[in-house]
Amino acid sequence: MFFKSRDVHISNPFKLYWKKNWTFQIVHMEGGIHIEAKGLGVSIRAPFEPNDNPMIAADSLILREEKNRQSLYNSWKLKRSNQKINM
């Protein structure tokens, strides 16, 4: 399947060159259209609006996931350092 985004033909699934570990695809499921990302052992998805740019939607999906992972890591690191102090 191919779709056109601003005079560029993108295959489905597609990759972003700055996110080499991830594969993206536009899927129709649960009564709507979603963008789905698979990589690093996880699969995440978000709603995709018809007027969205697939590249920007894919990038923002991964950005949200990276911020979430960083937040969880910082929380774990803080908890770990507090346990060492209390010992």
PDB file of N, CA and C in Angstrom:
ATOM      1  N   MET A   1       0.841  -1.184   0.000  1.00  0.00           N
ATOM      2  CA  MET A   1       0.000   0.000   0.000  1.00  0.00           C
ATOM      3  C   MET A   1       0.878   1.236   0.000  1.00  0.00           C
ATOM      4  N   PHE A   2       0.527   2.191  -0.836  1.00  0.00           N
ATOM      5  CA  PHE A   2       1.253   3.448  -0.895  1.00  0.00           C
ATOM      6  C   PHE A   2       0.282   4.593  -0.659  1.00  0.00           C
ATOM      7  N   PHE A   3       0.738   5.627   0.011  1.00  0.00           N
ATOM      8  CA  PHE A   3      -0.078   6.819   0.138  1.00  0.00           C
ATOM      9  C   PHE A   3       0.803   8.027  -0.115  1.00  0.00           C
ATOM     10  N   LYS A   4       0.169   9.098  -0.516  1.00  0.00           N
ATOM     11  CA  LYS A   4       0.904  10.281  -0.942  1.00  0.00           C
ATOM     12  C   LYS A   4       0.867  11.340   0.152  1.00  0.00           C
ATOM     13  N   SER A   5       2.016  11.888   0.477  1.00  0.00           N
ATOM     14  CA  SER A   5       2.117  12.942   1.471  1.00  0.00           C
ATOM     15  C   SER A   5       2.961  14.069   0.884  1.00  0.00           C
ATOM     16  N   ARG A   6       2.314  15.127   0.486  1.00  0.00           N
ATOM     17  CA  ARG A   6       3.003  16.300  -0.064  1.00  0.00           C
ATOM     18  C   ARG A   6       3.973  15.920  -1.182  1.00  0.00           C
ATOM     19  N   ASP A   7       3.459  15.289  -2.199  1.00  0.00           N
ATOM     20  CA  ASP A   7       4.224  14.897  -3.381  1.00  0.00           C
ATOM     21  C   ASP A   7       5.309  13.869  -3.104  1.00  0.00           C
ATOM     22  N   VAL A   8       5.226  13.147  -1.992  1.00  0.00           N
ATOM     23  CA  VAL A   8       6.167  12.071  -1.682  1.00  0.00           C
ATOM     24  C   VAL A   8       5.349  10.806  -1.472  1.00  0.00           C
ATOM     25  N   HIS A   9       5.689   9.757  -2.183  1.00  0.00           N
ATOM     26  CA  HIS A   9       4.997   8.487  -2.008  1.00  0.00           C
ATOM     27  C   HIS A   9       5.678   7.697  -0.892  1.00  0.00           C
ATOM     28  N   ILE A  10       4.882   7.274   0.087  1.00  0.00           N
ATOM     29  CA  ILE A  10       5.396   6.537   1.227  1.00  0.00           C
ATOM     30  C   ILE A  10       4.727   5.174   1.235  1.00  0.00           C
ATOM     31  N   SER A  11       5.532   4.124   1.412  1.00  0.00           N
ATOM     32  CA  SER A  11       4.948   2.784   1.492  1.00  0.00           C
ATOM     33  C   SER A  11       4.462   2.528   2.906  1.00  0.00           C
ATOM     34  N   ASN A  12       3.602   1.572   3.050  1.00  0.00           N
ATOM     35  CA  ASN A  12       3.067   1.214   4.361  1.00  0.00           C
ATOM     36  C   ASN A  12       3.445  -0.242   4.603  1.00  0.00           C
ATOM     37  N   PRO A  13       4.264  -0.605   5.551  1.00  0.00           N
ATOM     38  CA  PRO A  13       4.884   0.204   6.605  1.00  0.00           C
ATOM     39  C   PRO A  13       6.028   1.076   6.082  1.00  0.00           C
ATOM     40  N   PHE A  14       6.382   2.089   6.874  1.00  0.00           N
ATOM     41  CA  PHE A  14       7.463   2.980   6.499  1.00  0.00           C
ATOM     42  C   PHE A  14       8.389   3.199   7.689  1.00  0.00           C
ATOM     43  N   LYS A  15       9.553   3.757   7.414  1.00  0.00           N
ATOM     44  CA  LYS A  15      10.542   4.046   8.455  1.00  0.00           C
ATOM     45  C   LYS A  15      10.949   5.508   8.358  1.00  0.00           C
ATOM     46  N   LEU A  16      11.420   6.044   9.463  1.00  0.00           N
ATOM     47  CA  LEU A  16      12.002   7.381   9.488  1.00  0.00           C
ATOM     48  C   LEU A  16      13.504   7.201   9.635  1.00  0.00           C
ATOM     49  N   TYR A  17      14.278   7.882   8.826  1.00  0.00           N
ATOM     50  CA  TYR A  17      15.722   7.658   8.861  1.00  0.00           C
ATOM     51  C   TYR A  17      16.348   8.070  10.189  1.00  0.00           C
ATOM     52  N   TRP A  18      15.711   8.965  10.948  1.00  0.00           N
ATOM     53  CA  TRP A  18      16.264   9.362  12.251  1.00  0.00           C
ATOM     54  C   TRP A  18      15.766   8.472  13.378  1.00  0.00           C
ATOM     55  N   LYS A  19      14.884   7.519  13.083  1.00  0.00           N
ATOM     56  CA  LYS A  19      14.389   6.543  14.061  1.00  0.00           C
ATOM     57  C   LYS A  19      14.556   5.149  13.455  1.00  0.00           C
ATOM     58  N   LYS A  20      15.791   4.700  13.321  1.00  0.00           N
ATOM     59  CA  LYS A  20      16.088   3.466  12.601  1.00  0.00           C
ATOM     60  C   LYS A  20      15.541   2.211  13.274  1.00  0.00           C
ATOM     61  N   ASN A  21      15.323   2.220  14.560  1.00  0.00           N
ATOM     62  CA  ASN A  21      14.857   1.022  15.276  1.00  0.00           C
ATOM     63  C   ASN A  21      13.341   0.867  15.246  1.00  0.00           C
ATOM     64  N   TRP A  22      12.641   1.774  14.615  1.00  0.00           N
ATOM     65  CA  TRP A  22      11.180   1.759  14.621  1.00  0.00           C
ATOM     66  C   TRP A  22      10.623   1.564  13.218  1.00  0.00           C
ATOM     67  N   THR A  23       9.489   0.865  13.132  1.00  0.00           N
ATOM     68  CA  THR A  23       8.736   0.717  11.890  1.00  0.00           C
ATOM     69  C   THR A  23       7.334   1.255  12.142  1.00  0.00           C
ATOM     70  N   PHE A  24       6.812   2.015  11.199  1.00  0.00           N
ATOM     71  CA  PHE A  24       5.511   2.658  11.355  1.00  0.00           C
ATOM     72  C   PHE A  24       4.568   2.171  10.271  1.00  0.00           C
ATOM     73  N   GLN A  25       3.282   2.137  10.604  1.00  0.00           N
ATOM     74  CA  GLN A  25       2.281   1.844   9.587  1.00  0.00           C
ATOM     75  C   GLN A  25       0.965   2.499   9.964  1.00  0.00           C
ATOM     76  N   ILE A  26       0.189   2.790   8.939  1.00  0.00           N
ATOM     77  CA  ILE A  26      -1.149   3.335   9.117  1.00  0.00           C
ATOM     78  C   ILE A  26      -2.102   2.147   9.089  1.00  0.00           C
ATOM     79  N   VAL A  27      -2.917   2.000  10.134  1.00  0.00           N
ATOM     80  CA  VAL A  27      -3.818   0.851  10.236  1.00  0.00           C
ATOM     81  C   VAL A  27      -5.251   1.318  10.473  1.00  0.00           C
ATOM     82  N   HIS A  28      -6.185   0.517  10.005  1.00  0.00           N
ATOM     83  CA  HIS A  28      -7.599   0.775  10.249  1.00  0.00           C
ATOM     84  C   HIS A  28      -8.062  -0.268  11.253  1.00  0.00           C
ATOM     85  N   MET A  29      -8.412   0.183  12.443  1.00  0.00           N
ATOM     86  CA  MET A  29      -8.850  -0.743  13.481  1.00  0.00           C
ATOM     87  C   MET A  29      -9.675  -0.015  14.519  1.00  0.00           C
ATOM     88  N   GLU A  30     -10.503  -0.756  15.213  1.00  0.00           N
ATOM     89  CA  GLU A  30     -11.334  -0.220  16.284  1.00  0.00           C
ATOM     90  C   GLU A  30     -12.150   0.983  15.825  1.00  0.00           C
ATOM     91  N   GLY A  31     -12.643   0.930  14.602  1.00  0.00           N
ATOM     92  CA  GLY A  31     -13.505   1.989  14.095  1.00  0.00           C
ATOM     93  C   GLY A  31     -12.803   3.274  13.730  1.00  0.00           C
ATOM     94  N   GLY A  32     -11.495   3.268  13.615  1.00  0.00           N
ATOM     95  CA  GLY A  32     -10.779   4.478  13.253  1.00  0.00           C
ATOM     96  C   GLY A  32      -9.454   4.166  12.588  1.00  0.00           C
ATOM     97  N   ILE A  33      -8.769   5.199  12.185  1.00  0.00           N
ATOM     98  CA  ILE A  33      -7.456   5.065  11.563  1.00  0.00           C
ATOM     99  C   ILE A  33      -6.410   5.458  12.598  1.00  0.00           C
ATOM    100  N   HIS A  34      -5.387   4.612  12.741  1.00  0.00           N
ATOM    101  CA  HIS A  34      -4.332   4.840  13.731  1.00  0.00           C
ATOM    102  C   HIS A  34      -2.974   4.749  13.055  1.00  0.00           C
ATOM    103  N   ILE A  35      -1.996   5.406  13.666  1.00  0.00           N
ATOM    104  CA  ILE A  35      -0.614   5.199  13.277  1.00  0.00           C
ATOM    105  C   ILE A  35      -0.017   4.290  14.337  1.00  0.00           C
ATOM    106  N   GLU A  36       0.670   3.265  13.904  1.00  0.00           N
ATOM    107  CA  GLU A  36       1.219   2.264  14.817  1.00  0.00           C
ATOM    108  C   GLU A  36       2.730   2.229  14.652  1.00  0.00           C
ATOM    109  N   ALA A  37       3.435   2.169  15.757  1.00  0.00           N
ATOM    110  CA  ALA A  37       4.894   2.090  15.759  1.00  0.00           C
ATOM    111  C   ALA A  37       5.314   0.808  16.457  1.00  0.00           C
ATOM    112  N   LYS A  38       6.265   0.104  15.860  1.00  0.00           N
ATOM    113  CA  LYS A  38       6.811  -1.105  16.459  1.00  0.00           C
ATOM    114  C   LYS A  38       8.324  -0.990  16.483  1.00  0.00           C
ATOM    115  N   GLY A  39       8.878  -1.306  17.636  1.00  0.00           N
ATOM    116  CA  GLY A  39      10.328  -1.266  17.771  1.00  0.00           C
ATOM    117  C   GLY A  39      10.730  -1.334  19.221  1.00  0.00           C
ATOM    118  N   LEU A  40      11.960  -1.751  19.452  1.00  0.00           N
ATOM    119  CA  LEU A  40      12.525  -1.858  20.802  1.00  0.00           C
ATOM    120  C   LEU A  40      11.645  -2.701  21.722  1.00  0.00           C
ATOM    121  N   GLY A  41      10.965  -3.687  21.163  1.00  0.00           N
ATOM    122  CA  GLY A  41      10.168  -4.601  21.966  1.00  0.00           C
ATOM    123  C   GLY A  41       8.790  -4.105  22.347  1.00  0.00           C
ATOM    124  N   VAL A  42       8.359  -2.978  21.820  1.00  0.00           N
ATOM    125  CA  VAL A  42       7.029  -2.450  22.143  1.00  0.00           C
ATOM    126  C   VAL A  42       6.271  -2.109  20.861  1.00  0.00           C
ATOM    127  N   SER A  43       4.975  -2.017  21.016  1.00  0.00           N
ATOM    128  CA  SER A  43       4.093  -1.581  19.934  1.00  0.00           C
ATOM    129  C   SER A  43       3.182  -0.506  20.514  1.00  0.00           C
ATOM    130  N   ILE A  44       3.198   0.672  19.927  1.00  0.00           N
ATOM    131  CA  ILE A  44       2.367   1.774  20.411  1.00  0.00           C
ATOM    132  C   ILE A  44       1.537   2.307  19.251  1.00  0.00           C
ATOM    133  N   ARG A  45       0.410   2.912  19.594  1.00  0.00           N
ATOM    134  CA  ARG A  45      -0.471   3.424  18.543  1.00  0.00           C
ATOM    135  C   ARG A  45      -1.165   4.682  19.032  1.00  0.00           C
ATOM    136  N   ALA A  46      -1.534   5.510  18.074  1.00  0.00           N
ATOM    137  CA  ALA A  46      -2.252   6.755  18.364  1.00  0.00           C
ATOM    138  C   ALA A  46      -3.210   7.039  17.208  1.00  0.00           C
ATOM    139  N   PRO A  47      -4.288   7.768  17.479  1.00  0.00           N
ATOM    140  CA  PRO A  47      -5.213   8.120  16.388  1.00  0.00           C
ATOM    141  C   PRO A  47      -4.505   8.936  15.309  1.00  0.00           C
ATOM    142  N   PHE A  48      -4.914   8.718  14.077  1.00  0.00           N
ATOM    143  CA  PHE A  48      -4.337   9.420  12.931  1.00  0.00           C
ATOM    144  C   PHE A  48      -5.457  10.099  12.174  1.00  0.00           C
ATOM    145  N   GLU A  49      -5.396  11.409  12.085  1.00  0.00           N
ATOM    146  CA  GLU A  49      -6.410  12.187  11.386  1.00  0.00           C
ATOM    147  C   GLU A  49      -6.087  12.222   9.887  1.00  0.00           C
ATOM    148  N   PRO A  50      -7.092  12.275   9.041  1.00  0.00           N
ATOM    149  CA  PRO A  50      -6.854  12.256   7.600  1.00  0.00           C
ATOM    150  C   PRO A  50      -5.956  13.387   7.085  1.00  0.00           C
ATOM    151  N   ASN A  51      -5.959  14.536   7.735  1.00  0.00           N
ATOM    152  CA  ASN A  51      -5.133  15.647   7.266  1.00  0.00           C
ATOM    153  C   ASN A  51      -3.757  15.695   7.930  1.00  0.00           C
ATOM    154  N   ASP A  52      -3.417  14.702   8.761  1.00  0.00           N
ATOM    155  CA  ASP A  52      -2.104  14.647   9.408  1.00  0.00           C
ATOM    156  C   ASP A  52      -1.024  14.227   8.412  1.00  0.00           C
ATOM    157  N   ASN A  53       0.175  14.703   8.656  1.00  0.00           N
ATOM    158  CA  ASN A  53       1.342  14.277   7.898  1.00  0.00           C
ATOM    159  C   ASN A  53       1.873  13.010   8.570  1.00  0.00           C
ATOM    160  N   PRO A  54       2.022  11.901   7.853  1.00  0.00           N
ATOM    161  CA  PRO A  54       2.476  10.647   8.483  1.00  0.00           C
ATOM    162  C   PRO A  54       3.839  10.758   9.147  1.00  0.00           C
ATOM    163  N   MET A  55       4.755  11.512   8.553  1.00  0.00           N
ATOM    164  CA  MET A  55       6.097  11.649   9.126  1.00  0.00           C
ATOM    165  C   MET A  55       6.050  12.392  10.465  1.00  0.00           C
ATOM    166  N   ILE A  56       5.288  13.472  10.523  1.00  0.00           N
ATOM    167  CA  ILE A  56       5.186  14.249  11.753  1.00  0.00           C
ATOM    168  C   ILE A  56       4.434  13.459  12.819  1.00  0.00           C
ATOM    169  N   ALA A  57       3.367  12.764  12.430  1.00  0.00           N
ATOM    170  CA  ALA A  57       2.609  11.952  13.382  1.00  0.00           C
ATOM    171  C   ALA A  57       3.473  10.836  13.961  1.00  0.00           C
ATOM    172  N   ALA A  58       4.277  10.191  13.127  1.00  0.00           N
ATOM    173  CA  ALA A  58       5.168   9.123  13.587  1.00  0.00           C
ATOM    174  C   ALA A  58       6.222   9.675  14.538  1.00  0.00           C
ATOM    175  N   ASP A  59       6.795  10.813  14.192  1.00  0.00           N
ATOM    176  CA  ASP A  59       7.822  11.416  15.035  1.00  0.00           C
ATOM    177  C   ASP A  59       7.264  11.826  16.386  1.00  0.00           C
ATOM    178  N   SER A  60       6.073  12.417  16.416  1.00  0.00           N
ATOM    179  CA  SER A  60       5.496  12.840  17.700  1.00  0.00           C
ATOM    180  C   SER A  60       5.082  11.638  18.550  1.00  0.00           C
ATOM    181  N   LEU A  61       4.676  10.544  17.899  1.00  0.00           N
ATOM    182  CA  LEU A  61       4.335   9.327  18.637  1.00  0.00           C
ATOM    183  C   LEU A  61       5.559   8.791  19.373  1.00  0.00           C
ATOM    184  N   ILE A  62       6.687   8.744  18.698  1.00  0.00           N
ATOM    185  CA  ILE A  62       7.921   8.253  19.314  1.00  0.00           C
ATOM    186  C   ILE A  62       8.440   9.240  20.359  1.00  0.00           C
ATOM    187  N   LEU A  63       8.292  10.527  20.099  1.00  0.00           N
ATOM    188  CA  LEU A  63       8.730  11.533  21.078  1.00  0.00           C
ATOM    189  C   LEU A  63       7.979  11.364  22.392  1.00  0.00           C
ATOM    190  N   ARG A  64       6.654  11.152  22.315  1.00  0.00           N
ATOM    191  CA  ARG A  64       5.877  10.919  23.544  1.00  0.00           C
ATOM    192  C   ARG A  64       6.357   9.675  24.269  1.00  0.00           C
ATOM    193  N   GLU A  65       6.641   8.609  23.528  1.00  0.00           N
ATOM    194  CA  GLU A  65       7.120   7.365  24.144  1.00  0.00           C
ATOM    195  C   GLU A  65       8.485   7.571  24.801  1.00  0.00           C
ATOM    196  N   GLU A  66       9.380   8.286  24.137  1.00  0.00           N
ATOM    197  CA  GLU A  66      10.708   8.537  24.713  1.00  0.00           C
ATOM    198  C   GLU A  66      10.621   9.392  25.970  1.00  0.00           C
ATOM    199  N   LYS A  67       9.739  10.395  25.977  1.00  0.00           N
ATOM    200  CA  LYS A  67       9.555  11.215  27.180  1.00  0.00           C
ATOM    201  C   LYS A  67       9.001  10.370  28.325  1.00  0.00           C
ATOM    202  N   ASN A  68       8.062   9.484  28.016  1.00  0.00           N
ATOM    203  CA  ASN A  68       7.499   8.604  29.033  1.00  0.00           C
ATOM    204  C   ASN A  68       8.570   7.675  29.600  1.00  0.00           C
ATOM    205  N   ARG A  69       9.382   7.075  28.738  1.00  0.00           N
ATOM    206  CA  ARG A  69      10.454   6.185  29.199  1.00  0.00           C
ATOM    207  C   ARG A  69      11.479   6.930  30.047  1.00  0.00           C
ATOM    208  N   GLN A  70      11.821   8.149  29.619  1.00  0.00           N
ATOM    209  CA  GLN A  70      12.787   8.957  30.376  1.00  0.00           C
ATOM    210  C   GLN A  70      12.226   9.306  31.756  1.00  0.00           C
ATOM    211  N   SER A  71      10.952   9.635  31.821  1.00  0.00           N
ATOM    212  CA  SER A  71      10.315   9.947  33.090  1.00  0.00           C
ATOM    213  C   SER A  71      10.311   8.730  34.017  1.00  0.00           C
ATOM    214  N   LEU A  72       9.979   7.572  33.472  1.00  0.00           N
ATOM    215  CA  LEU A  72       9.992   6.346  34.282  1.00  0.00           C
ATOM    216  C   LEU A  72      11.401   6.023  34.777  1.00  0.00           C
ATOM    217  N   TYR A  73      12.386   6.195  33.906  1.00  0.00           N
ATOM    218  CA  TYR A  73      13.774   5.935  34.296  1.00  0.00           C
ATOM    219  C   TYR A  73      14.217   6.887  35.404  1.00  0.00           C
ATOM    220  N   ASN A  74      13.896   8.185  35.270  1.00  0.00           N
ATOM    221  CA  ASN A  74      14.277   9.150  36.297  1.00  0.00           C
ATOM    222  C   ASN A  74      13.585   8.850  37.621  1.00  0.00           C
ATOM    223  N   SER A  75      12.338   8.419  37.569  1.00  0.00           N
ATOM    224  CA  SER A  75      11.613   8.048  38.776  1.00  0.00           C
ATOM    225  C   SER A  75      12.271   6.844  39.452  1.00  0.00           C
ATOM    226  N   TRP A  76      12.639   5.841  38.638  1.00  0.00           N
ATOM    227  CA  TRP A  76      13.306   4.651  39.179  1.00  0.00           C
ATOM    228  C   TRP A  76      14.653   5.015  39.779  1.00  0.00           C
ATOM    229  N   LYS A  77      15.402   5.891  39.093  1.00  0.00           N
ATOM    230  CA  LYS A  77      16.717   6.298  39.564  1.00  0.00           C
ATOM    231  C   LYS A  77      16.610   7.049  40.892  1.00  0.00           C
ATOM    232  N   LEU A  78      15.627   7.937  41.014  1.00  0.00           N
ATOM    233  CA  LEU A  78      15.415   8.687  42.248  1.00  0.00           C
ATOM    234  C   LEU A  78      15.034   7.743  43.385  1.00  0.00           C
ATOM    235  N   LYS A  79      14.144   6.806  43.110  1.00  0.00           N
ATOM    236  CA  LYS A  79      13.732   5.851  44.124  1.00  0.00           C
ATOM    237  C   LYS A  79      14.922   5.005  44.573  1.00  0.00           C
ATOM    238  N   ARG A  80      15.730   4.596  43.624  1.00  0.00           N
ATOM    239  CA  ARG A  80      16.911   3.779  43.928  1.00  0.00           C
ATOM    240  C   ARG A  80      17.910   4.548  44.798  1.00  0.00           C
ATOM    241  N   SER A  81      18.144   5.820  44.478  1.00  0.00           N
ATOM    242  CA  SER A  81      19.090   6.614  45.267  1.00  0.00           C
ATOM    243  C   SER A  81      18.543   6.885  46.667  1.00  0.00           C
ATOM    244  N   ASN A  82      17.207   7.039  46.797  1.00  0.00           N
ATOM    245  CA  ASN A  82      16.624   7.233  48.114  1.00  0.00           C
ATOM    246  C   ASN A  82      16.730   5.974  48.964  1.00  0.00           C
ATOM    247  N   GLN A  83      16.641   4.811  48.351  1.00  0.00           N
ATOM    248  CA  GLN A  83      16.797   3.549  49.088  1.00  0.00           C
ATOM    249  C   GLN A  83      18.226   3.413  49.606  1.00  0.00           C
ATOM    250  N   LYS A  84      19.213   3.824  48.819  1.00  0.00           N
ATOM    251  CA  LYS A  84      20.606   3.732  49.250  1.00  0.00           C
ATOM    252  C   LYS A  84      20.872   4.698  50.400  1.00  0.00           C
ATOM    253  N   ILE A  85      20.264   5.865  50.380  1.00  0.00           N
ATOM    254  CA  ILE A  85      20.471   6.847  51.442  1.00  0.00           C
ATOM    255  C   ILE A  85      19.852   6.350  52.740  1.00  0.00           C
ATOM    256  N   ASN A  86      18.696   5.711  52.676  1.00  0.00           N
ATOM    257  CA  ASN A  86      17.995   5.259  53.873  1.00  0.00           C
ATOM    258  C   ASN A  86      18.621   4.012  54.502  1.00  0.00           C
ATOM    259  N   MET A  87      19.515   3.366  53.810  1.00  0.00           N
ATOM    260  CA  MET A  87      20.134   2.150  54.362  1.00  0.00           C
ATOM    261  C   MET A  87      21.200   2.457  55.335  1.00  0.00           C
TER     262      MET A  87
END
